[in-house]
Amino acid sequence: MFPELIYDPKLFDKLTNLVEKYGLTTNEYMLEITESAYSENVNELIDVVNKLREKGFKIELDDFGSGYSSLNMLTTLPIDVLKMDMKFIRNMLTDYKNLKLVEIILDIARLLKVPVIAEGVEEEKQYKTLKDRGCDVIQGYYFSKPLPVSEFNLLIEKDLEEQ
């Protein structure tokens, strides 16, 4: 979600209308907030996120570690998922500090009892490293490039046949 959208006074109503219009439930939506949204108006952001979560929406903190990170943010902003920035993934096999930061982020998420999504995984070794360290969800080109629904369905069918 673009940082300015979270502060739209009509956001809650817009999202609620979409849910009702399409006959969905709020827990079928994963709303992403970037770290930069936290740097604007912290109290207003927390109020908006609390209101959305009370309605059942799930909140992901996207690109964690990309620039505005604050450990205090993780204790004050209620989130359901932490998405680790792909820059950590890209460098974790060649830079010991990045690997340790990945491990620390995974530990912090376990402490907060929220799952971690690792973005930008492109190599088997990255995948195995994250899996061995207990990362909850791993996504990236290692599995597939982004696909339209029709191609995605074919990919899943092919995978099921191979099993």
N, C-alpha and C. Protein backbone atom coordinates (compact mmCIF):
# COMPACT_ATOMS: atom_id res chain seq x y z
N MET A 1 0.86 -1.16 0.00
CA MET A 1 0.00 0.00 0.00
C MET A 1 0.91 1.23 0.00
N PHE A 2 0.63 2.17 -0.87
CA PHE A 2 1.41 3.40 -0.90
C PHE A 2 1.23 4.14 0.42
N PRO A 3 2.32 4.71 0.95
CA PRO A 3 2.23 5.33 2.27
C PRO A 3 1.07 6.31 2.41
N GLU A 4 0.81 7.10 1.38
CA GLU A 4 -0.26 8.10 1.51
C GLU A 4 -1.65 7.47 1.54
N LEU A 5 -1.82 6.28 0.98
CA LEU A 5 -3.13 5.64 0.96
C LEU A 5 -3.60 5.25 2.36
N ILE A 6 -2.68 4.87 3.22
CA ILE A 6 -3.06 4.45 4.56
C ILE A 6 -3.70 5.60 5.34
N TYR A 7 -3.39 6.84 4.94
CA TYR A 7 -3.94 8.00 5.63
C TYR A 7 -5.19 8.56 4.95
N ASP A 8 -5.67 7.89 3.91
CA ASP A 8 -6.90 8.31 3.24
C ASP A 8 -8.06 8.12 4.21
N PRO A 9 -8.80 9.19 4.54
CA PRO A 9 -9.88 9.06 5.50
C PRO A 9 -11.01 8.14 5.03
N LYS A 10 -11.06 7.86 3.74
CA LYS A 10 -12.11 6.99 3.20
C LYS A 10 -11.62 5.54 2.99
N LEU A 11 -10.37 5.25 3.36
CA LEU A 11 -9.80 3.93 3.12
C LEU A 11 -10.65 2.82 3.73
N PHE A 12 -11.00 2.95 4.98
CA PHE A 12 -11.76 1.91 5.67
C PHE A 12 -13.06 1.63 4.93
N ASP A 13 -13.77 2.69 4.56
CA ASP A 13 -15.04 2.52 3.85
C ASP A 13 -14.84 1.90 2.47
N LYS A 14 -13.77 2.31 1.77
CA LYS A 14 -13.49 1.75 0.44
C LYS A 14 -13.23 0.25 0.53
N LEU A 15 -12.41 -0.14 1.49
CA LEU A 15 -12.08 -1.56 1.65
C LEU A 15 -13.31 -2.37 2.07
N THR A 16 -14.08 -1.83 2.98
CA THR A 16 -15.29 -2.51 3.43
C THR A 16 -16.27 -2.68 2.27
N ASN A 17 -16.41 -1.65 1.44
CA ASN A 17 -17.30 -1.74 0.28
C ASN A 17 -16.82 -2.80 -0.71
N LEU A 18 -15.52 -2.89 -0.93
CA LEU A 18 -14.99 -3.92 -1.83
C LEU A 18 -15.29 -5.33 -1.31
N VAL A 19 -15.12 -5.52 -0.03
CA VAL A 19 -15.40 -6.82 0.57
C VAL A 19 -16.87 -7.18 0.37
N GLU A 20 -17.74 -6.25 0.66
CA GLU A 20 -19.18 -6.51 0.52
C GLU A 20 -19.58 -6.69 -0.95
N LYS A 21 -19.04 -5.87 -1.82
CA LYS A 21 -19.38 -5.92 -3.25
C LYS A 21 -19.05 -7.28 -3.86
N TYR A 22 -17.92 -7.85 -3.49
CA TYR A 22 -17.48 -9.10 -4.09
C TYR A 22 -17.75 -10.33 -3.23
N GLY A 23 -18.47 -10.14 -2.13
CA GLY A 23 -18.84 -11.28 -1.29
C GLY A 23 -17.66 -11.99 -0.65
N LEU A 24 -16.66 -11.22 -0.27
CA LEU A 24 -15.46 -11.78 0.35
C LEU A 24 -15.49 -11.55 1.85
N THR A 25 -14.49 -12.09 2.51
CA THR A 25 -14.31 -11.80 3.92
C THR A 25 -13.04 -10.97 4.08
N THR A 26 -12.97 -10.22 5.14
CA THR A 26 -11.83 -9.34 5.33
C THR A 26 -10.52 -10.12 5.49
N ASN A 27 -10.59 -11.33 6.03
CA ASN A 27 -9.33 -12.07 6.23
C ASN A 27 -8.79 -12.64 4.92
N GLU A 28 -9.48 -12.41 3.81
CA GLU A 28 -8.97 -12.80 2.50
C GLU A 28 -8.10 -11.70 1.89
N TYR A 29 -8.01 -10.58 2.56
CA TYR A 29 -7.18 -9.46 2.11
C TYR A 29 -5.93 -9.39 2.96
N MET A 30 -4.80 -9.25 2.28
CA MET A 30 -3.54 -8.98 2.96
C MET A 30 -3.13 -7.57 2.55
N LEU A 31 -3.23 -6.65 3.45
CA LEU A 31 -2.90 -5.26 3.16
C LEU A 31 -1.44 -5.01 3.53
N GLU A 32 -0.67 -4.53 2.56
CA GLU A 32 0.74 -4.28 2.79
C GLU A 32 0.97 -2.81 3.14
N ILE A 33 1.76 -2.63 4.16
CA ILE A 33 2.19 -1.29 4.56
C ILE A 33 3.70 -1.26 4.45
N THR A 34 4.23 -0.26 3.79
CA THR A 34 5.68 -0.13 3.71
C THR A 34 6.19 0.59 4.96
N GLU A 35 7.45 0.35 5.27
CA GLU A 35 8.04 0.99 6.43
C GLU A 35 7.93 2.51 6.38
N SER A 36 7.98 3.07 5.19
CA SER A 36 7.96 4.53 5.08
C SER A 36 6.65 5.12 5.62
N ALA A 37 5.58 4.35 5.61
CA ALA A 37 4.32 4.84 6.18
C ALA A 37 4.48 5.13 7.66
N TYR A 38 5.35 4.39 8.32
CA TYR A 38 5.57 4.56 9.75
C TYR A 38 6.26 5.88 10.08
N SER A 39 6.99 6.41 9.13
CA SER A 39 7.75 7.62 9.40
C SER A 39 6.89 8.87 9.32
N GLU A 40 5.66 8.75 8.86
CA GLU A 40 4.81 9.92 8.67
C GLU A 40 4.13 10.31 9.99
N ASN A 41 3.01 9.69 10.31
CA ASN A 41 2.27 10.02 11.52
C ASN A 41 2.01 8.72 12.27
N VAL A 42 2.87 8.41 13.19
CA VAL A 42 2.86 7.11 13.86
C VAL A 42 1.53 6.83 14.57
N ASN A 43 1.04 7.77 15.33
CA ASN A 43 -0.20 7.53 16.09
C ASN A 43 -1.39 7.30 15.17
N GLU A 44 -1.48 8.08 14.10
CA GLU A 44 -2.58 7.91 13.15
C GLU A 44 -2.46 6.55 12.45
N LEU A 45 -1.25 6.18 12.08
CA LEU A 45 -1.03 4.89 11.43
C LEU A 45 -1.47 3.74 12.34
N ILE A 46 -1.08 3.79 13.59
CA ILE A 46 -1.45 2.74 14.54
C ILE A 46 -2.96 2.68 14.68
N ASP A 47 -3.62 3.84 14.76
CA ASP A 47 -5.09 3.86 14.85
C ASP A 47 -5.74 3.22 13.63
N VAL A 48 -5.26 3.57 12.44
CA VAL A 48 -5.82 3.01 11.20
C VAL A 48 -5.61 1.50 11.15
N VAL A 49 -4.40 1.06 11.46
CA VAL A 49 -4.10 -0.37 11.42
C VAL A 49 -4.95 -1.13 12.44
N ASN A 50 -5.09 -0.59 13.63
CA ASN A 50 -5.94 -1.24 14.64
C ASN A 50 -7.38 -1.36 14.15
N LYS A 51 -7.89 -0.32 13.54
CA LYS A 51 -9.27 -0.34 13.03
C LYS A 51 -9.43 -1.39 11.94
N LEU A 52 -8.45 -1.46 11.03
CA LEU A 52 -8.51 -2.46 9.96
C LEU A 52 -8.41 -3.88 10.52
N ARG A 53 -7.53 -4.10 11.48
CA ARG A 53 -7.38 -5.42 12.07
C ARG A 53 -8.62 -5.82 12.86
N GLU A 54 -9.26 -4.84 13.55
CA GLU A 54 -10.49 -5.14 14.27
C GLU A 54 -11.58 -5.62 13.32
N LYS A 55 -11.56 -5.12 12.10
CA LYS A 55 -12.54 -5.53 11.09
C LYS A 55 -12.15 -6.88 10.48
N GLY A 56 -10.93 -7.34 10.73
CA GLY A 56 -10.51 -8.65 10.25
C GLY A 56 -9.47 -8.63 9.15
N PHE A 57 -9.09 -7.45 8.68
CA PHE A 57 -8.06 -7.36 7.65
C PHE A 57 -6.72 -7.79 8.24
N LYS A 58 -5.87 -8.41 7.42
CA LYS A 58 -4.54 -8.81 7.82
C LYS A 58 -3.54 -7.77 7.30
N ILE A 59 -2.57 -7.42 8.12
CA ILE A 59 -1.61 -6.37 7.79
C ILE A 59 -0.21 -6.97 7.65
N GLU A 60 0.41 -6.71 6.51
CA GLU A 60 1.79 -7.13 6.27
C GLU A 60 2.68 -5.88 6.30
N LEU A 61 3.80 -5.98 6.99
CA LEU A 61 4.80 -4.93 6.94
C LEU A 61 5.77 -5.30 5.84
N ASP A 62 5.71 -4.58 4.72
CA ASP A 62 6.47 -4.91 3.52
C ASP A 62 7.86 -4.28 3.54
N ASP A 63 8.79 -4.95 2.89
CA ASP A 63 10.16 -4.46 2.70
C ASP A 63 10.85 -4.15 4.03
N PHE A 64 10.60 -4.98 5.03
CA PHE A 64 11.21 -4.73 6.33
C PHE A 64 12.73 -4.73 6.20
N GLY A 65 13.34 -3.70 6.73
CA GLY A 65 14.79 -3.57 6.70
C GLY A 65 15.30 -2.74 5.56
N SER A 66 14.40 -2.15 4.79
CA SER A 66 14.85 -1.43 3.59
C SER A 66 15.26 0.01 3.83
N GLY A 67 15.04 0.53 5.02
CA GLY A 67 15.52 1.89 5.21
C GLY A 67 14.98 2.62 6.42
N TYR A 68 13.73 2.41 6.79
CA TYR A 68 13.15 3.16 7.90
C TYR A 68 12.96 2.28 9.13
N SER A 69 13.59 1.14 9.13
CA SER A 69 13.36 0.16 10.19
C SER A 69 13.62 0.73 11.58
N SER A 70 12.74 0.38 12.45
CA SER A 70 12.90 0.71 13.84
C SER A 70 12.36 -0.47 14.63
N LEU A 71 13.17 -0.97 15.53
CA LEU A 71 12.67 -2.08 16.34
C LEU A 71 11.48 -1.63 17.18
N ASN A 72 11.46 -0.37 17.56
CA ASN A 72 10.32 0.16 18.29
C ASN A 72 9.05 0.05 17.45
N MET A 73 9.18 0.24 16.14
CA MET A 73 8.03 0.14 15.25
C MET A 73 7.38 -1.23 15.39
N LEU A 74 8.19 -2.27 15.49
CA LEU A 74 7.66 -3.63 15.58
C LEU A 74 6.90 -3.87 16.88
N THR A 75 7.22 -3.13 17.92
CA THR A 75 6.51 -3.31 19.18
C THR A 75 5.27 -2.44 19.28
N THR A 76 5.19 -1.40 18.45
CA THR A 76 4.03 -0.51 18.54
C THR A 76 3.02 -0.68 17.41
N LEU A 77 3.49 -1.12 16.25
CA LEU A 77 2.61 -1.27 15.09
C LEU A 77 2.11 -2.71 15.03
N PRO A 78 0.80 -2.90 15.18
CA PRO A 78 0.27 -4.27 15.15
C PRO A 78 0.27 -4.82 13.72
N ILE A 79 1.02 -5.89 13.51
CA ILE A 79 1.09 -6.50 12.18
C ILE A 79 0.80 -7.99 12.29
N ASP A 80 0.48 -8.58 11.14
CA ASP A 80 0.21 -10.01 11.09
C ASP A 80 1.30 -10.78 10.36
N VAL A 81 2.06 -10.08 9.51
CA VAL A 81 3.11 -10.72 8.71
C VAL A 81 4.24 -9.72 8.52
N LEU A 82 5.46 -10.23 8.53
CA LEU A 82 6.64 -9.41 8.28
C LEU A 82 7.26 -9.88 6.97
N LYS A 83 7.39 -8.96 6.00
CA LYS A 83 8.00 -9.30 4.72
C LYS A 83 9.42 -8.74 4.70
N MET A 84 10.38 -9.65 4.64
CA MET A 84 11.79 -9.27 4.67
C MET A 84 12.22 -8.72 3.31
N ASP A 85 12.90 -7.61 3.33
CA ASP A 85 13.35 -6.99 2.08
C ASP A 85 14.30 -7.91 1.33
N MET A 86 14.15 -7.95 0.02
CA MET A 86 14.94 -8.86 -0.81
C MET A 86 16.43 -8.52 -0.83
N LYS A 87 16.80 -7.32 -0.45
CA LYS A 87 18.23 -6.97 -0.43
C LYS A 87 19.00 -7.87 0.53
N PHE A 88 18.36 -8.25 1.64
CA PHE A 88 19.01 -9.16 2.58
C PHE A 88 19.23 -10.53 1.93
N ILE A 89 18.21 -10.98 1.21
CA ILE A 89 18.27 -12.30 0.58
C ILE A 89 19.36 -12.31 -0.49
N ARG A 90 19.39 -11.27 -1.28
CA ARG A 90 20.33 -11.18 -2.40
C ARG A 90 21.77 -11.30 -1.93
N ASN A 91 22.08 -10.77 -0.75
CA ASN A 91 23.47 -10.71 -0.28
C ASN A 91 23.81 -11.68 0.84
N MET A 92 22.85 -12.46 1.30
CA MET A 92 23.10 -13.26 2.50
C MET A 92 24.10 -14.40 2.29
N LEU A 93 24.28 -14.84 1.06
CA LEU A 93 25.22 -15.94 0.81
C LEU A 93 26.65 -15.45 0.63
N THR A 94 26.82 -14.16 0.39
CA THR A 94 28.16 -13.62 0.16
C THR A 94 28.61 -12.65 1.25
N ASP A 95 27.69 -12.27 2.12
CA ASP A 95 28.01 -11.29 3.16
C ASP A 95 27.50 -11.82 4.50
N TYR A 96 28.43 -12.16 5.37
CA TYR A 96 28.10 -12.74 6.67
C TYR A 96 27.15 -11.83 7.46
N LYS A 97 27.36 -10.53 7.39
CA LYS A 97 26.50 -9.61 8.13
C LYS A 97 25.05 -9.70 7.65
N ASN A 98 24.85 -9.81 6.35
CA ASN A 98 23.48 -9.94 5.83
C ASN A 98 22.85 -11.25 6.29
N LEU A 99 23.62 -12.32 6.31
CA LEU A 99 23.10 -13.60 6.79
C LEU A 99 22.68 -13.49 8.25
N LYS A 100 23.52 -12.86 9.05
CA LYS A 100 23.18 -12.69 10.47
C LYS A 100 21.94 -11.82 10.63
N LEU A 101 21.80 -10.78 9.81
CA LEU A 101 20.60 -9.94 9.88
C LEU A 101 19.35 -10.73 9.51
N VAL A 102 19.46 -11.60 8.51
CA VAL A 102 18.33 -12.47 8.16
C VAL A 102 17.95 -13.32 9.37
N GLU A 103 18.94 -13.90 10.01
CA GLU A 103 18.67 -14.73 11.19
C GLU A 103 18.04 -13.92 12.31
N ILE A 104 18.52 -12.71 12.52
CA ILE A 104 17.96 -11.85 13.56
C ILE A 104 16.51 -11.48 13.25
N ILE A 105 16.23 -11.15 12.00
CA ILE A 105 14.85 -10.82 11.60
C ILE A 105 13.94 -12.02 11.84
N LEU A 106 14.41 -13.20 11.50
CA LEU A 106 13.61 -14.41 11.75
C LEU A 106 13.38 -14.61 13.25
N ASP A 107 14.40 -14.36 14.06
CA ASP A 107 14.26 -14.47 15.52
C ASP A 107 13.27 -13.45 16.06
N ILE A 108 13.35 -12.22 15.58
CA ILE A 108 12.44 -11.17 16.02
C ILE A 108 11.00 -11.55 15.68
N ALA A 109 10.80 -12.05 14.47
CA ALA A 109 9.45 -12.44 14.05
C ALA A 109 8.92 -13.57 14.94
N ARG A 110 9.77 -14.52 15.29
CA ARG A 110 9.34 -15.60 16.19
C ARG A 110 8.95 -15.03 17.55
N LEU A 111 9.74 -14.08 18.04
CA LEU A 111 9.43 -13.44 19.31
C LEU A 111 8.06 -12.74 19.25
N LEU A 112 7.80 -12.09 18.12
CA LEU A 112 6.53 -11.37 17.94
C LEU A 112 5.38 -12.30 17.53
N LYS A 113 5.73 -13.56 17.24
CA LYS A 113 4.74 -14.56 16.82
C LYS A 113 4.03 -14.16 15.53
N VAL A 114 4.84 -13.67 14.57
CA VAL A 114 4.30 -13.37 13.24
C VAL A 114 5.16 -14.10 12.21
N PRO A 115 4.53 -14.59 11.15
CA PRO A 115 5.31 -15.27 10.11
C PRO A 115 6.13 -14.29 9.29
N VAL A 116 7.19 -14.81 8.68
CA VAL A 116 8.06 -14.01 7.81
C VAL A 116 7.91 -14.51 6.39
N ILE A 117 7.81 -13.56 5.47
CA ILE A 117 7.87 -13.87 4.04
C ILE A 117 9.19 -13.32 3.52
N ALA A 118 9.99 -14.20 2.92
CA ALA A 118 11.26 -13.78 2.30
C ALA A 118 10.98 -13.55 0.83
N GLU A 119 11.27 -12.33 0.38
CA GLU A 119 11.03 -11.96 -1.02
C GLU A 119 12.32 -12.06 -1.82
N GLY A 120 12.17 -12.33 -3.11
CA GLY A 120 13.30 -12.22 -4.03
C GLY A 120 14.24 -13.41 -4.04
N VAL A 121 13.76 -14.59 -3.68
CA VAL A 121 14.61 -15.77 -3.68
C VAL A 121 14.77 -16.25 -5.13
N GLU A 122 16.03 -16.35 -5.56
CA GLU A 122 16.30 -16.70 -6.96
C GLU A 122 17.11 -17.97 -7.11
N GLU A 123 17.74 -18.44 -6.04
CA GLU A 123 18.64 -19.58 -6.13
C GLU A 123 18.26 -20.65 -5.11
N GLU A 124 18.58 -21.89 -5.45
CA GLU A 124 18.29 -23.00 -4.55
C GLU A 124 18.99 -22.83 -3.20
N LYS A 125 20.24 -22.36 -3.24
CA LYS A 125 20.99 -22.20 -1.99
C LYS A 125 20.33 -21.15 -1.08
N GLN A 126 19.79 -20.08 -1.67
CA GLN A 126 19.06 -19.09 -0.87
C GLN A 126 17.83 -19.75 -0.24
N TYR A 127 17.11 -20.50 -1.05
CA TYR A 127 15.91 -21.20 -0.57
C TYR A 127 16.25 -22.12 0.61
N LYS A 128 17.27 -22.95 0.42
CA LYS A 128 17.64 -23.90 1.47
C LYS A 128 18.13 -23.19 2.73
N THR A 129 18.87 -22.12 2.57
CA THR A 129 19.36 -21.36 3.73
C THR A 129 18.19 -20.81 4.53
N LEU A 130 17.22 -20.22 3.85
CA LEU A 130 16.05 -19.67 4.54
C LEU A 130 15.21 -20.78 5.17
N LYS A 131 15.01 -21.85 4.45
CA LYS A 131 14.22 -22.96 4.97
C LYS A 131 14.88 -23.56 6.21
N ASP A 132 16.20 -23.75 6.15
CA ASP A 132 16.94 -24.30 7.29
C ASP A 132 16.86 -23.41 8.52
N ARG A 133 16.67 -22.12 8.30
CA ARG A 133 16.60 -21.18 9.42
C ARG A 133 15.16 -20.91 9.87
N GLY A 134 14.21 -21.62 9.27
CA GLY A 134 12.82 -21.55 9.74
C GLY A 134 11.97 -20.45 9.14
N CYS A 135 12.35 -19.95 7.97
CA CYS A 135 11.52 -18.93 7.32
C CYS A 135 10.16 -19.55 6.95
N ASP A 136 9.09 -18.83 7.21
CA ASP A 136 7.74 -19.37 7.04
C ASP A 136 7.30 -19.46 5.58
N VAL A 137 7.54 -18.40 4.81
CA VAL A 137 7.11 -18.36 3.41
C VAL A 137 8.26 -17.82 2.58
N ILE A 138 8.53 -18.49 1.48
CA ILE A 138 9.65 -18.10 0.62
C ILE A 138 9.09 -17.91 -0.77
N GLN A 139 9.36 -16.74 -1.35
CA GLN A 139 8.83 -16.47 -2.69
C GLN A 139 9.91 -15.85 -3.56
N GLY A 140 9.76 -16.04 -4.85
CA GLY A 140 10.70 -15.44 -5.78
C GLY A 140 10.82 -16.23 -7.07
N TYR A 141 11.70 -15.77 -7.93
CA TYR A 141 11.90 -16.37 -9.24
C TYR A 141 12.43 -17.80 -9.15
N TYR A 142 12.97 -18.19 -8.01
CA TYR A 142 13.41 -19.58 -7.85
C TYR A 142 12.25 -20.53 -8.16
N PHE A 143 11.06 -20.14 -7.76
CA PHE A 143 9.88 -20.97 -7.99
C PHE A 143 9.24 -20.66 -9.34
N SER A 144 9.09 -19.38 -9.64
CA SER A 144 8.46 -18.98 -10.90
C SER A 144 8.48 -17.47 -11.00
N LYS A 145 8.49 -16.98 -12.22
CA LYS A 145 8.27 -15.56 -12.44
C LYS A 145 6.79 -15.28 -12.17
N PRO A 146 6.39 -14.03 -12.00
CA PRO A 146 4.96 -13.72 -11.84
C PRO A 146 4.20 -14.19 -13.09
N LEU A 147 3.06 -14.80 -12.86
CA LEU A 147 2.28 -15.39 -13.96
C LEU A 147 0.84 -14.92 -13.95
N PRO A 148 0.23 -14.84 -15.13
CA PRO A 148 -1.23 -14.65 -15.16
C PRO A 148 -1.90 -15.92 -14.64
N VAL A 149 -3.14 -15.80 -14.23
CA VAL A 149 -3.87 -16.91 -13.62
C VAL A 149 -3.84 -18.16 -14.50
N SER A 150 -4.06 -18.00 -15.80
CA SER A 150 -4.12 -19.16 -16.69
C SER A 150 -2.79 -19.93 -16.69
N GLU A 151 -1.67 -19.23 -16.73
CA GLU A 151 -0.37 -19.90 -16.70
C GLU A 151 -0.07 -20.49 -15.33
N PHE A 152 -0.52 -19.81 -14.29
CA PHE A 152 -0.33 -20.31 -12.93
C PHE A 152 -1.04 -21.65 -12.76
N ASN A 153 -2.28 -21.72 -13.25
CA ASN A 153 -3.04 -22.97 -13.15
C ASN A 153 -2.32 -24.11 -13.86
N LEU A 154 -1.75 -23.83 -15.04
CA LEU A 154 -1.00 -24.85 -15.77
C LEU A 154 0.23 -25.30 -14.99
N LEU A 155 0.91 -24.35 -14.36
CA LEU A 155 2.09 -24.67 -13.56
C LEU A 155 1.72 -25.59 -12.40
N ILE A 156 0.64 -25.29 -11.72
CA ILE A 156 0.19 -26.12 -10.60
C ILE A 156 -0.21 -27.51 -11.08
N GLU A 157 -0.96 -27.58 -12.18
CA GLU A 157 -1.38 -28.88 -12.72
C GLU A 157 -0.16 -29.73 -13.10
N LYS A 158 0.82 -29.11 -13.72
CA LYS A 158 2.05 -29.81 -14.12
C LYS A 158 2.77 -30.33 -12.88
N ASP A 159 2.87 -29.48 -11.85
CA ASP A 159 3.53 -29.87 -10.62
C ASP A 159 2.81 -31.05 -9.95
N LEU A 160 1.50 -31.01 -9.94
CA LEU A 160 0.72 -32.10 -9.34
C LEU A 160 0.91 -33.40 -10.11
N GLU A 161 0.98 -33.31 -11.43
CA GLU A 161 1.21 -34.51 -12.25
C GLU A 161 2.57 -35.13 -11.96
N GLU A 162 3.58 -34.29 -11.75
CA GLU A 162 4.93 -34.77 -11.49
C GLU A 162 5.05 -35.45 -10.12
N GLN A 163 4.15 -35.11 -9.22
CA GLN A 163 4.19 -35.72 -7.88
C GLN A 163 3.53 -37.05 -7.96
